């Protein structure tokens, strides 16, 4: 699954999304044309990540969980960090600082 597939999947399920580069989209709630409570979904080498404003990065073990995770995030007040119950329910992995930095460096090379 690539980023355009994810855009279509999320739009089909009612999520406002905006493409941000070749491997990243912004997902959030739309208010007056702006995305609020937003976070990024990134796909690199067939691995999907959610990145928040904190910043925190979480690896999603399978693309099938993405819509369910997004549905739960839409119900939150903010998405700076994902609640432990969402992380554990979907087997998400919180990246440590070194892994998150590596992810950001890779994103910088791709854009």
C-alpha atoms as a PDB file:
ATOM      1  CA  UNK A   1       0.000   0.000   0.000  1.00  0.00           C
ATOM      2  CA  UNK A   2       1.382   3.434  -0.881  1.00  0.00           C
ATOM      3  CA  UNK A   3       0.447   6.942   0.208  1.00  0.00           C
ATOM      4  CA  UNK A   4      -2.146   7.468  -2.545  1.00  0.00           C
ATOM      5  CA  UNK A   5      -3.889   4.258  -1.464  1.00  0.00           C
ATOM      6  CA  UNK A   6      -3.966   5.567   2.116  1.00  0.00           C
ATOM      7  CA  UNK A   7      -5.376   8.921   0.987  1.00  0.00           C
ATOM      8  CA  UNK A   8      -8.201   7.134  -0.824  1.00  0.00           C
ATOM      9  CA  UNK A   9      -8.836   4.787   2.095  1.00  0.00           C
ATOM     10  CA  UNK A  10      -9.021   7.585   4.652  1.00  0.00           C
ATOM     11  CA  UNK A  11     -11.162   9.834   2.443  1.00  0.00           C
ATOM     12  CA  UNK A  12     -13.523   6.924   1.774  1.00  0.00           C
ATOM     13  CA  UNK A  13     -13.904   6.589   5.551  1.00  0.00           C
ATOM     14  CA  UNK A  14     -14.683  10.283   6.003  1.00  0.00           C
ATOM     15  CA  UNK A  15     -11.349  11.639   7.200  1.00  0.00           C
ATOM     16  CA  UNK A  16     -10.140  15.005   5.894  1.00  0.00           C
ATOM     17  CA  UNK A  17      -6.622  14.473   4.573  1.00  0.00           C
ATOM     18  CA  UNK A  18      -4.033  16.553   2.773  1.00  0.00           C
ATOM     19  CA  UNK A  19      -1.104  15.164   0.873  1.00  0.00           C
ATOM     20  CA  UNK A  20       2.194  16.508   2.189  1.00  0.00           C
ATOM     21  CA  UNK A  21       4.977  15.318  -0.048  1.00  0.00           C
ATOM     22  CA  UNK A  22       5.366  11.919  -1.638  1.00  0.00           C
ATOM     23  CA  UNK A  23       5.208   9.803   1.516  1.00  0.00           C
ATOM     24  CA  UNK A  24       3.189  11.794   4.027  1.00  0.00           C
ATOM     25  CA  UNK A  25      -0.352  13.003   4.603  1.00  0.00           C
ATOM     26  CA  UNK A  26      -1.887  15.213   7.257  1.00  0.00           C
ATOM     27  CA  UNK A  27      -5.025  13.857   8.917  1.00  0.00           C
ATOM     28  CA  UNK A  28      -7.286  15.783  11.266  1.00  0.00           C
ATOM     29  CA  UNK A  29     -10.663  17.296  11.848  1.00  0.00           C
ATOM     30  CA  UNK A  30     -11.680  20.059   9.453  1.00  0.00           C
ATOM     31  CA  UNK A  31     -12.896  23.384  10.877  1.00  0.00           C
ATOM     32  CA  UNK A  32     -13.473  26.342   8.533  1.00  0.00           C
ATOM     33  CA  UNK A  33     -11.199  24.815   5.901  1.00  0.00           C
ATOM     34  CA  UNK A  34      -8.311  24.163   8.299  1.00  0.00           C
ATOM     35  CA  UNK A  35      -7.230  20.870   9.775  1.00  0.00           C
ATOM     36  CA  UNK A  36      -7.245  20.838  13.573  1.00  0.00           C
ATOM     37  CA  UNK A  37      -6.291  18.070  15.969  1.00  0.00           C
ATOM     38  CA  UNK A  38      -3.990  16.981  13.174  1.00  0.00           C
ATOM     39  CA  UNK A  39      -1.226  14.422  12.902  1.00  0.00           C
ATOM     40  CA  UNK A  40       0.832  12.948  10.097  1.00  0.00           C
ATOM     41  CA  UNK A  41       0.628   9.517   8.529  1.00  0.00           C
ATOM     42  CA  UNK A  42       3.851   8.517   6.834  1.00  0.00           C
ATOM     43  CA  UNK A  43       4.696   5.489   4.707  1.00  0.00           C
ATOM     44  CA  UNK A  44       8.341   4.532   4.217  1.00  0.00           C
ATOM     45  CA  UNK A  45       9.424   1.185   2.764  1.00  0.00           C
ATOM     46  CA  UNK A  46       5.909  -0.227   3.211  1.00  0.00           C
ATOM     47  CA  UNK A  47       5.920   0.681   6.923  1.00  0.00           C
ATOM     48  CA  UNK A  48       3.249   3.047   8.243  1.00  0.00           C
ATOM     49  CA  UNK A  49       3.836   5.604  11.011  1.00  0.00           C
ATOM     50  CA  UNK A  50       1.704   8.139  12.857  1.00  0.00           C
ATOM     51  CA  UNK A  51       3.588  11.253  13.956  1.00  0.00           C
ATOM     52  CA  UNK A  52       2.112  13.718  16.447  1.00  0.00           C
ATOM     53  CA  UNK A  53       2.890  17.297  17.418  1.00  0.00           C
ATOM     54  CA  UNK A  54       4.608  16.311  20.704  1.00  0.00           C
ATOM     55  CA  UNK A  55       6.515  15.039  18.639  1.00  0.00           C
ATOM     56  CA  UNK A  56       5.958  11.331  19.061  1.00  0.00           C
ATOM     57  CA  UNK A  57       6.160   8.716  16.318  1.00  0.00           C
ATOM     58  CA  UNK A  58       4.377   5.372  16.378  1.00  0.00           C
ATOM     59  CA  UNK A  59       4.817   2.474  14.002  1.00  0.00           C
ATOM     60  CA  UNK A  60       1.571   0.812  12.944  1.00  0.00           C
ATOM     61  CA  UNK A  61       2.041  -2.956  12.591  1.00  0.00           C
ATOM     62  CA  UNK A  62      -0.420  -3.317   9.717  1.00  0.00           C
ATOM     63  CA  UNK A  63      -2.214  -0.936   7.351  1.00  0.00           C
ATOM     64  CA  UNK A  64      -5.539  -2.548   8.278  1.00  0.00           C
ATOM     65  CA  UNK A  65      -5.386  -0.829  11.687  1.00  0.00           C
ATOM     66  CA  UNK A  66      -5.014   2.682  10.303  1.00  0.00           C
ATOM     67  CA  UNK A  67      -8.715   3.516   9.925  1.00  0.00           C
ATOM     68  CA  UNK A  68      -9.491   2.188  13.414  1.00  0.00           C
ATOM     69  CA  UNK A  69      -6.665   4.220  14.929  1.00  0.00           C
ATOM     70  CA  UNK A  70      -7.806   7.364  13.077  1.00  0.00           C
ATOM     71  CA  UNK A  71     -11.373   6.820  14.300  1.00  0.00           C
ATOM     72  CA  UNK A  72     -10.142   6.694  17.888  1.00  0.00           C
ATOM     73  CA  UNK A  73      -7.913   9.751  17.432  1.00  0.00           C
ATOM     74  CA  UNK A  74     -10.853  11.745  16.049  1.00  0.00           C
ATOM     75  CA  UNK A  75     -12.580  11.347  19.420  1.00  0.00           C
ATOM     76  CA  UNK A  76      -9.695  12.844  21.432  1.00  0.00           C
ATOM     77  CA  UNK A  77      -9.330  16.437  22.635  1.00  0.00           C
ATOM     78  CA  UNK A  78      -5.785  16.546  21.246  1.00  0.00           C
ATOM     79  CA  UNK A  79      -3.372  14.148  19.620  1.00  0.00           C
ATOM     80  CA  UNK A  80      -0.047  15.298  21.038  1.00  0.00           C
ATOM     81  CA  UNK A  81       0.479  11.757  22.293  1.00  0.00           C
ATOM     82  CA  UNK A  82      -1.567   8.652  21.703  1.00  0.00           C
ATOM     83  CA  UNK A  83      -3.309   7.210  24.755  1.00  0.00           C
ATOM     84  CA  UNK A  84      -1.855   3.942  26.058  1.00  0.00           C
ATOM     85  CA  UNK A  85      -5.125   2.098  25.382  1.00  0.00           C
ATOM     86  CA  UNK A  86      -5.008   3.072  21.670  1.00  0.00           C
ATOM     87  CA  UNK A  87      -1.342   2.074  21.458  1.00  0.00           C
ATOM     88  CA  UNK A  88      -1.882  -1.310  23.083  1.00  0.00           C
ATOM     89  CA  UNK A  89      -5.192  -2.095  21.330  1.00  0.00           C
ATOM     90  CA  UNK A  90      -3.554  -1.844  17.905  1.00  0.00           C
ATOM     91  CA  UNK A  91      -0.040  -3.027  18.732  1.00  0.00           C
ATOM     92  CA  UNK A  92       1.530   0.336  17.932  1.00  0.00           C
ATOM     93  CA  UNK A  93       5.193   0.814  18.756  1.00  0.00           C
ATOM     94  CA  UNK A  94       6.375   4.141  20.167  1.00  0.00           C
ATOM     95  CA  UNK A  95       9.682   4.979  18.502  1.00  0.00           C
ATOM     96  CA  UNK A  96      12.504   5.976  20.797  1.00  0.00           C
ATOM     97  CA  UNK A  97      14.320   9.263  20.182  1.00  0.00           C
ATOM     98  CA  UNK A  98      17.009   7.706  17.967  1.00  0.00           C
ATOM     99  CA  UNK A  99      14.484   5.878  15.774  1.00  0.00           C
ATOM    100  CA  UNK A 100      12.305   8.984  15.527  1.00  0.00           C
ATOM    101  CA  UNK A 101      15.303  11.106  14.526  1.00  0.00           C
ATOM    102  CA  UNK A 102      16.190   8.533  11.868  1.00  0.00           C
ATOM    103  CA  UNK A 103      12.608   8.675  10.557  1.00  0.00           C
ATOM    104  CA  UNK A 104      12.753  12.479  10.364  1.00  0.00           C
ATOM    105  CA  UNK A 105      16.118  12.378   8.580  1.00  0.00           C
ATOM    106  CA  UNK A 106      14.715   9.954   6.005  1.00  0.00           C
ATOM    107  CA  UNK A 107      11.691  12.214   5.483  1.00  0.00           C
ATOM    108  CA  UNK A 108      14.035  15.158   4.952  1.00  0.00           C
ATOM    109  CA  UNK A 109      15.872  13.279   2.201  1.00  0.00           C
ATOM    110  CA  UNK A 110      12.657  12.310   0.395  1.00  0.00           C
ATOM    111  CA  UNK A 111      10.842  15.637   0.285  1.00  0.00           C
END
